[in-house]
Amino acid sequence: MTCMTQLAFRGFATPVVTPLSDHQVSPLVLSDRLLTLAQDAERAGFPLSAGHLVNLAHAVFDEIPTRR
């Protein structure tokens, strides 16, 4: 019996997994979540990771160069 089967057997709800392609996330929400993670990483003592997350949040709004 798998872990999920055991949880369902005990009366717990089993998680529903949906493909990521079914969901659209706005760039603003994505950027906000990345900045929140960066703040949490900074507070936890991971300044390098926090810096990478901030750069990633900024990159969400960078324009993708078009090929000519």
PDB file of N, CA and C in Angstrom:
ATOM      1  N   MET A   1       0.850  -1.173   0.000  1.00  0.00           N
ATOM      2  CA  MET A   1       0.000   0.000   0.000  1.00  0.00           C
ATOM      3  C   MET A   1       0.902   1.245   0.000  1.00  0.00           C
ATOM      4  N   THR A   2       0.668   2.143  -0.927  1.00  0.00           N
ATOM      5  CA  THR A   2       1.492   3.346  -0.993  1.00  0.00           C
ATOM      6  C   THR A   2       1.091   4.326   0.104  1.00  0.00           C
ATOM      7  N   CYS A   3       1.905   5.335   0.293  1.00  0.00           N
ATOM      8  CA  CYS A   3       1.635   6.355   1.308  1.00  0.00           C
ATOM      9  C   CYS A   3       0.307   7.061   1.030  1.00  0.00           C
ATOM     10  N   MET A   4       0.048   7.429  -0.230  1.00  0.00           N
ATOM     11  CA  MET A   4      -1.196   8.116  -0.580  1.00  0.00           C
ATOM     12  C   MET A   4      -2.402   7.204  -0.373  1.00  0.00           C
ATOM     13  N   THR A   5      -2.222   5.907  -0.659  1.00  0.00           N
ATOM     14  CA  THR A   5      -3.312   4.962  -0.453  1.00  0.00           C
ATOM     15  C   THR A   5      -3.599   4.820   1.031  1.00  0.00           C
ATOM     16  N   GLN A   6      -2.545   4.807   1.852  1.00  0.00           N
ATOM     17  CA  GLN A   6      -2.721   4.709   3.289  1.00  0.00           C
ATOM     18  C   GLN A   6      -3.454   5.942   3.823  1.00  0.00           C
ATOM     19  N   LEU A   7      -3.099   7.124   3.329  1.00  0.00           N
ATOM     20  CA  LEU A   7      -3.766   8.347   3.772  1.00  0.00           C
ATOM     21  C   LEU A   7      -5.237   8.343   3.379  1.00  0.00           C
ATOM     22  N   ALA A   8      -5.524   7.886   2.162  1.00  0.00           N
ATOM     23  CA  ALA A   8      -6.913   7.817   1.710  1.00  0.00           C
ATOM     24  C   ALA A   8      -7.684   6.786   2.531  1.00  0.00           C
ATOM     25  N   PHE A   9      -7.025   5.707   2.860  1.00  0.00           N
ATOM     26  CA  PHE A   9      -7.662   4.656   3.641  1.00  0.00           C
ATOM     27  C   PHE A   9      -8.028   5.149   5.036  1.00  0.00           C
ATOM     28  N   ARG A  10      -7.196   6.027   5.592  1.00  0.00           N
ATOM     29  CA  ARG A  10      -7.430   6.541   6.945  1.00  0.00           C
ATOM     30  C   ARG A  10      -8.413   7.716   6.958  1.00  0.00           C
ATOM     31  N   GLY A  11      -8.936   8.089   5.810  1.00  0.00           N
ATOM     32  CA  GLY A  11      -9.932   9.143   5.775  1.00  0.00           C
ATOM     33  C   GLY A  11      -9.395  10.501   5.381  1.00  0.00           C
ATOM     34  N   PHE A  12      -8.105  10.598   5.070  1.00  0.00           N
ATOM     35  CA  PHE A  12      -7.538  11.859   4.632  1.00  0.00           C
ATOM     36  C   PHE A  12      -7.818  12.055   3.143  1.00  0.00           C
ATOM     37  N   ALA A  13      -7.960  13.300   2.744  1.00  0.00           N
ATOM     38  CA  ALA A  13      -8.180  13.595   1.325  1.00  0.00           C
ATOM     39  C   ALA A  13      -6.886  13.378   0.556  1.00  0.00           C
ATOM     40  N   THR A  14      -6.995  12.787  -0.608  1.00  0.00           N
ATOM     41  CA  THR A  14      -5.816  12.610  -1.445  1.00  0.00           C
ATOM     42  C   THR A  14      -5.630  13.854  -2.298  1.00  0.00           C
ATOM     43  N   PRO A  15      -4.404  14.292  -2.497  1.00  0.00           N
ATOM     44  CA  PRO A  15      -4.162  15.499  -3.287  1.00  0.00           C
ATOM     45  C   PRO A  15      -4.512  15.289  -4.757  1.00  0.00           C
ATOM     46  N   VAL A  16      -4.980  16.329  -5.372  1.00  0.00           N
ATOM     47  CA  VAL A  16      -5.292  16.298  -6.793  1.00  0.00           C
ATOM     48  C   VAL A  16      -4.145  16.959  -7.525  1.00  0.00           C
ATOM     49  N   VAL A  17      -3.530  16.251  -8.430  1.00  0.00           N
ATOM     50  CA  VAL A  17      -2.405  16.781  -9.189  1.00  0.00           C
ATOM     51  C   VAL A  17      -2.915  17.208 -10.558  1.00  0.00           C
ATOM     52  N   THR A  18      -2.721  18.485 -10.884  1.00  0.00           N
ATOM     53  CA  THR A  18      -3.123  18.986 -12.196  1.00  0.00           C
ATOM     54  C   THR A  18      -1.882  19.431 -12.949  1.00  0.00           C
ATOM     55  N   PRO A  19      -1.859  19.218 -14.239  1.00  0.00           N
ATOM     56  CA  PRO A  19      -0.699  19.644 -15.031  1.00  0.00           C
ATOM     57  C   PRO A  19      -0.529  21.163 -14.982  1.00  0.00           C
ATOM     58  N   LEU A  20       0.717  21.606 -14.997  1.00  0.00           N
ATOM     59  CA  LEU A  20       0.996  23.033 -14.962  1.00  0.00           C
ATOM     60  C   LEU A  20       0.480  23.751 -16.202  1.00  0.00           C
ATOM     61  N   SER A  21       0.340  23.044 -17.298  1.00  0.00           N
ATOM     62  CA  SER A  21      -0.100  23.675 -18.536  1.00  0.00           C
ATOM     63  C   SER A  21      -1.543  24.162 -18.456  1.00  0.00           C
ATOM     64  N   ASP A  22      -2.303  23.668 -17.472  1.00  0.00           N
ATOM     65  CA  ASP A  22      -3.696  24.083 -17.328  1.00  0.00           C
ATOM     66  C   ASP A  22      -3.840  25.426 -16.620  1.00  0.00           C
ATOM     67  N   HIS A  23      -2.773  25.934 -16.020  1.00  0.00           N
ATOM     68  CA  HIS A  23      -2.850  27.147 -15.221  1.00  0.00           C
ATOM     69  C   HIS A  23      -2.030  28.265 -15.853  1.00  0.00           C
ATOM     70  N   GLN A  24      -2.572  29.452 -15.776  1.00  0.00           N
ATOM     71  CA  GLN A  24      -1.841  30.632 -16.228  1.00  0.00           C
ATOM     72  C   GLN A  24      -1.543  31.490 -15.004  1.00  0.00           C
ATOM     73  N   VAL A  25      -0.285  31.854 -14.806  1.00  0.00           N
ATOM     74  CA  VAL A  25       0.116  32.711 -13.701  1.00  0.00           C
ATOM     75  C   VAL A  25       0.577  34.029 -14.289  1.00  0.00           C
ATOM     76  N   SER A  26       0.038  35.110 -13.754  1.00  0.00           N
ATOM     77  CA  SER A  26       0.427  36.411 -14.289  1.00  0.00           C
ATOM     78  C   SER A  26       1.868  36.713 -13.877  1.00  0.00           C
ATOM     79  N   PRO A  27       2.597  37.448 -14.691  1.00  0.00           N
ATOM     80  CA  PRO A  27       3.974  37.814 -14.352  1.00  0.00           C
ATOM     81  C   PRO A  27       4.058  38.594 -13.040  1.00  0.00           C
ATOM     82  N   LEU A  28       3.041  39.397 -12.740  1.00  0.00           N
ATOM     83  CA  LEU A  28       3.041  40.175 -11.506  1.00  0.00           C
ATOM     84  C   LEU A  28       2.956  39.267 -10.283  1.00  0.00           C
ATOM     85  N   VAL A  29       2.100  38.262 -10.330  1.00  0.00           N
ATOM     86  CA  VAL A  29       1.966  37.326  -9.213  1.00  0.00           C
ATOM     87  C   VAL A  29       3.242  36.507  -9.061  1.00  0.00           C
ATOM     88  N   LEU A  30       3.801  36.050 -10.164  1.00  0.00           N
ATOM     89  CA  LEU A  30       5.038  35.279 -10.121  1.00  0.00           C
ATOM     90  C   LEU A  30       6.169  36.104  -9.513  1.00  0.00           C
ATOM     91  N   SER A  31       6.293  37.343  -9.949  1.00  0.00           N
ATOM     92  CA  SER A  31       7.331  38.219  -9.422  1.00  0.00           C
ATOM     93  C   SER A  31       7.143  38.462  -7.929  1.00  0.00           C
ATOM     94  N   ASP A  32       5.903  38.678  -7.507  1.00  0.00           N
ATOM     95  CA  ASP A  32       5.616  38.902  -6.088  1.00  0.00           C
ATOM     96  C   ASP A  32       5.998  37.690  -5.250  1.00  0.00           C
ATOM     97  N   ARG A  33       5.688  36.517  -5.738  1.00  0.00           N
ATOM     98  CA  ARG A  33       6.039  35.295  -4.998  1.00  0.00           C
ATOM     99  C   ARG A  33       7.542  35.092  -4.922  1.00  0.00           C
ATOM    100  N   LEU A  34       8.234  35.409  -6.000  1.00  0.00           N
ATOM    101  CA  LEU A  34       9.699  35.292  -5.987  1.00  0.00           C
ATOM    102  C   LEU A  34      10.321  36.277  -4.999  1.00  0.00           C
ATOM    103  N   LEU A  35       9.791  37.498  -4.935  1.00  0.00           N
ATOM    104  CA  LEU A  35      10.309  38.484  -3.991  1.00  0.00           C
ATOM    105  C   LEU A  35      10.013  38.084  -2.551  1.00  0.00           C
ATOM    106  N   THR A  36       8.864  37.479  -2.314  1.00  0.00           N
ATOM    107  CA  THR A  36       8.542  36.983  -0.975  1.00  0.00           C
ATOM    108  C   THR A  36       9.501  35.876  -0.570  1.00  0.00           C
ATOM    109  N   LEU A  37       9.788  34.982  -1.509  1.00  0.00           N
ATOM    110  CA  LEU A  37      10.778  33.929  -1.231  1.00  0.00           C
ATOM    111  C   LEU A  37      12.151  34.516  -0.959  1.00  0.00           C
ATOM    112  N   ALA A  38      12.504  35.573  -1.682  1.00  0.00           N
ATOM    113  CA  ALA A  38      13.796  36.226  -1.461  1.00  0.00           C
ATOM    114  C   ALA A  38      13.869  36.828  -0.061  1.00  0.00           C
ATOM    115  N   GLN A  39      12.786  37.438   0.392  1.00  0.00           N
ATOM    116  CA  GLN A  39      12.762  37.983   1.752  1.00  0.00           C
ATOM    117  C   GLN A  39      12.916  36.872   2.781  1.00  0.00           C
ATOM    118  N   ASP A  40      12.226  35.765   2.560  1.00  0.00           N
ATOM    119  CA  ASP A  40      12.333  34.632   3.480  1.00  0.00           C
ATOM    120  C   ASP A  40      13.747  34.057   3.483  1.00  0.00           C
ATOM    121  N   ALA A  41      14.353  33.969   2.315  1.00  0.00           N
ATOM    122  CA  ALA A  41      15.726  33.453   2.221  1.00  0.00           C
ATOM    123  C   ALA A  41      16.702  34.382   2.940  1.00  0.00           C
ATOM    124  N   GLU A  42      16.507  35.678   2.809  1.00  0.00           N
ATOM    125  CA  GLU A  42      17.377  36.651   3.493  1.00  0.00           C
ATOM    126  C   GLU A  42      17.245  36.503   5.008  1.00  0.00           C
ATOM    127  N   ARG A  43      16.019  36.391   5.481  1.00  0.00           N
ATOM    128  CA  ARG A  43      15.784  36.231   6.927  1.00  0.00           C
ATOM    129  C   ARG A  43      16.363  34.923   7.457  1.00  0.00           C
ATOM    130  N   ALA A  44      16.384  33.896   6.613  1.00  0.00           N
ATOM    131  CA  ALA A  44      16.893  32.588   7.023  1.00  0.00           C
ATOM    132  C   ALA A  44      18.413  32.501   6.943  1.00  0.00           C
ATOM    133  N   GLY A  45      19.050  33.571   6.457  1.00  0.00           N
ATOM    134  CA  GLY A  45      20.511  33.573   6.402  1.00  0.00           C
ATOM    135  C   GLY A  45      21.096  33.080   5.098  1.00  0.00           C
ATOM    136  N   PHE A  46      20.348  33.187   4.019  1.00  0.00           N
ATOM    137  CA  PHE A  46      20.826  32.771   2.704  1.00  0.00           C
ATOM    138  C   PHE A  46      20.848  33.969   1.753  1.00  0.00           C
ATOM    139  N   PRO A  47      21.776  34.904   1.966  1.00  0.00           N
ATOM    140  CA  PRO A  47      21.780  36.126   1.150  1.00  0.00           C
ATOM    141  C   PRO A  47      22.075  35.865  -0.328  1.00  0.00           C
ATOM    142  N   LEU A  48      22.897  34.892  -0.641  1.00  0.00           N
ATOM    143  CA  LEU A  48      23.208  34.596  -2.035  1.00  0.00           C
ATOM    144  C   LEU A  48      21.963  34.086  -2.768  1.00  0.00           C
ATOM    145  N   SER A  49      21.244  33.180  -2.134  1.00  0.00           N
ATOM    146  CA  SER A  49      19.997  32.677  -2.734  1.00  0.00           C
ATOM    147  C   SER A  49      18.967  33.794  -2.863  1.00  0.00           C
ATOM    148  N   ALA A  50      18.907  34.665  -1.867  1.00  0.00           N
ATOM    149  CA  ALA A  50      17.972  35.789  -1.916  1.00  0.00           C
ATOM    150  C   ALA A  50      18.291  36.687  -3.107  1.00  0.00           C
ATOM    151  N   GLY A  51      19.563  36.937  -3.349  1.00  0.00           N
ATOM    152  CA  GLY A  51      19.967  37.751  -4.495  1.00  0.00           C
ATOM    153  C   GLY A  51      19.579  37.113  -5.819  1.00  0.00           C
ATOM    154  N   HIS A  52      19.742  35.801  -5.914  1.00  0.00           N
ATOM    155  CA  HIS A  52      19.345  35.094  -7.141  1.00  0.00           C
ATOM    156  C   HIS A  52      17.836  35.179  -7.363  1.00  0.00           C
ATOM    157  N   LEU A  53      17.072  35.066  -6.279  1.00  0.00           N
ATOM    158  CA  LEU A  53      15.621  35.154  -6.399  1.00  0.00           C
ATOM    159  C   LEU A  53      15.175  36.551  -6.820  1.00  0.00           C
ATOM    160  N   VAL A  54      15.842  37.582  -6.304  1.00  0.00           N
ATOM    161  CA  VAL A  54      15.518  38.953  -6.710  1.00  0.00           C
ATOM    162  C   VAL A  54      15.824  39.143  -8.195  1.00  0.00           C
ATOM    163  N   ASN A  55      16.974  38.644  -8.635  1.00  0.00           N
ATOM    164  CA  ASN A  55      17.320  38.749 -10.059  1.00  0.00           C
ATOM    165  C   ASN A  55      16.300  38.005 -10.927  1.00  0.00           C
ATOM    166  N   LEU A  56      15.852  36.865 -10.457  1.00  0.00           N
ATOM    167  CA  LEU A  56      14.849  36.100 -11.195  1.00  0.00           C
ATOM    168  C   LEU A  56      13.519  36.859 -11.252  1.00  0.00           C
ATOM    169  N   ALA A  57      13.146  37.501 -10.151  1.00  0.00           N
ATOM    170  CA  ALA A  57      11.913  38.291 -10.118  1.00  0.00           C
ATOM    171  C   ALA A  57      11.986  39.447 -11.108  1.00  0.00           C
ATOM    172  N   HIS A  58      13.147  40.077 -11.207  1.00  0.00           N
ATOM    173  CA  HIS A  58      13.326  41.167 -12.174  1.00  0.00           C
ATOM    174  C   HIS A  58      13.301  40.631 -13.605  1.00  0.00           C
ATOM    175  N   ALA A  59      13.827  39.431 -13.799  1.00  0.00           N
ATOM    176  CA  ALA A  59      13.888  38.855 -15.143  1.00  0.00           C
ATOM    177  C   ALA A  59      12.506  38.503 -15.688  1.00  0.00           C
ATOM    178  N   VAL A  60      11.536  38.347 -14.802  1.00  0.00           N
ATOM    179  CA  VAL A  60      10.177  38.035 -15.244  1.00  0.00           C
ATOM    180  C   VAL A  60       9.663  39.122 -16.183  1.00  0.00           C
ATOM    181  N   PHE A  61      10.067  40.376 -15.919  1.00  0.00           N
ATOM    182  CA  PHE A  61       9.569  41.488 -16.708  1.00  0.00           C
ATOM    183  C   PHE A  61      10.517  41.931 -17.818  1.00  0.00           C
ATOM    184  N   ASP A  62      11.675  41.293 -17.911  1.00  0.00           N
ATOM    185  CA  ASP A  62      12.598  41.623 -18.999  1.00  0.00           C
ATOM    186  C   ASP A  62      12.023  41.163 -20.321  1.00  0.00           C
ATOM    187  N   GLU A  63      12.207  41.977 -21.324  1.00  0.00           N
ATOM    188  CA  GLU A  63      11.725  41.603 -22.649  1.00  0.00           C
ATOM    189  C   GLU A  63      12.660  40.579 -23.269  1.00  0.00           C
ATOM    190  N   ILE A  64      12.079  39.640 -23.950  1.00  0.00           N
ATOM    191  CA  ILE A  64      12.860  38.622 -24.644  1.00  0.00           C
ATOM    192  C   ILE A  64      13.298  39.213 -25.971  1.00  0.00           C
ATOM    193  N   PRO A  65      14.618  39.202 -26.252  1.00  0.00           N
ATOM    194  CA  PRO A  65      15.075  39.763 -27.528  1.00  0.00           C
ATOM    195  C   PRO A  65      14.526  38.970 -28.718  1.00  0.00           C
ATOM    196  N   THR A  66      14.117  39.663 -29.730  1.00  0.00           N
ATOM    197  CA  THR A  66      13.590  38.998 -30.928  1.00  0.00           C
ATOM    198  C   THR A  66      14.732  38.767 -31.916  1.00  0.00           C
ATOM    199  N   ARG A  67      14.656  37.644 -32.611  1.00  0.00           N
ATOM    200  CA  ARG A  67      15.660  37.334 -33.626  1.00  0.00           C
ATOM    201  C   ARG A  67      15.310  38.042 -34.907  1.00  0.00           C
ATOM    202  N   ARG A  68      16.314  38.458 -35.599  1.00  0.00           N
ATOM    203  CA  ARG A  68      16.099  39.136 -36.891  1.00  0.00           C
ATOM    204  C   ARG A  68      16.496  38.243 -38.018  1.00  0.00           C
TER     205      ARG A  68
END
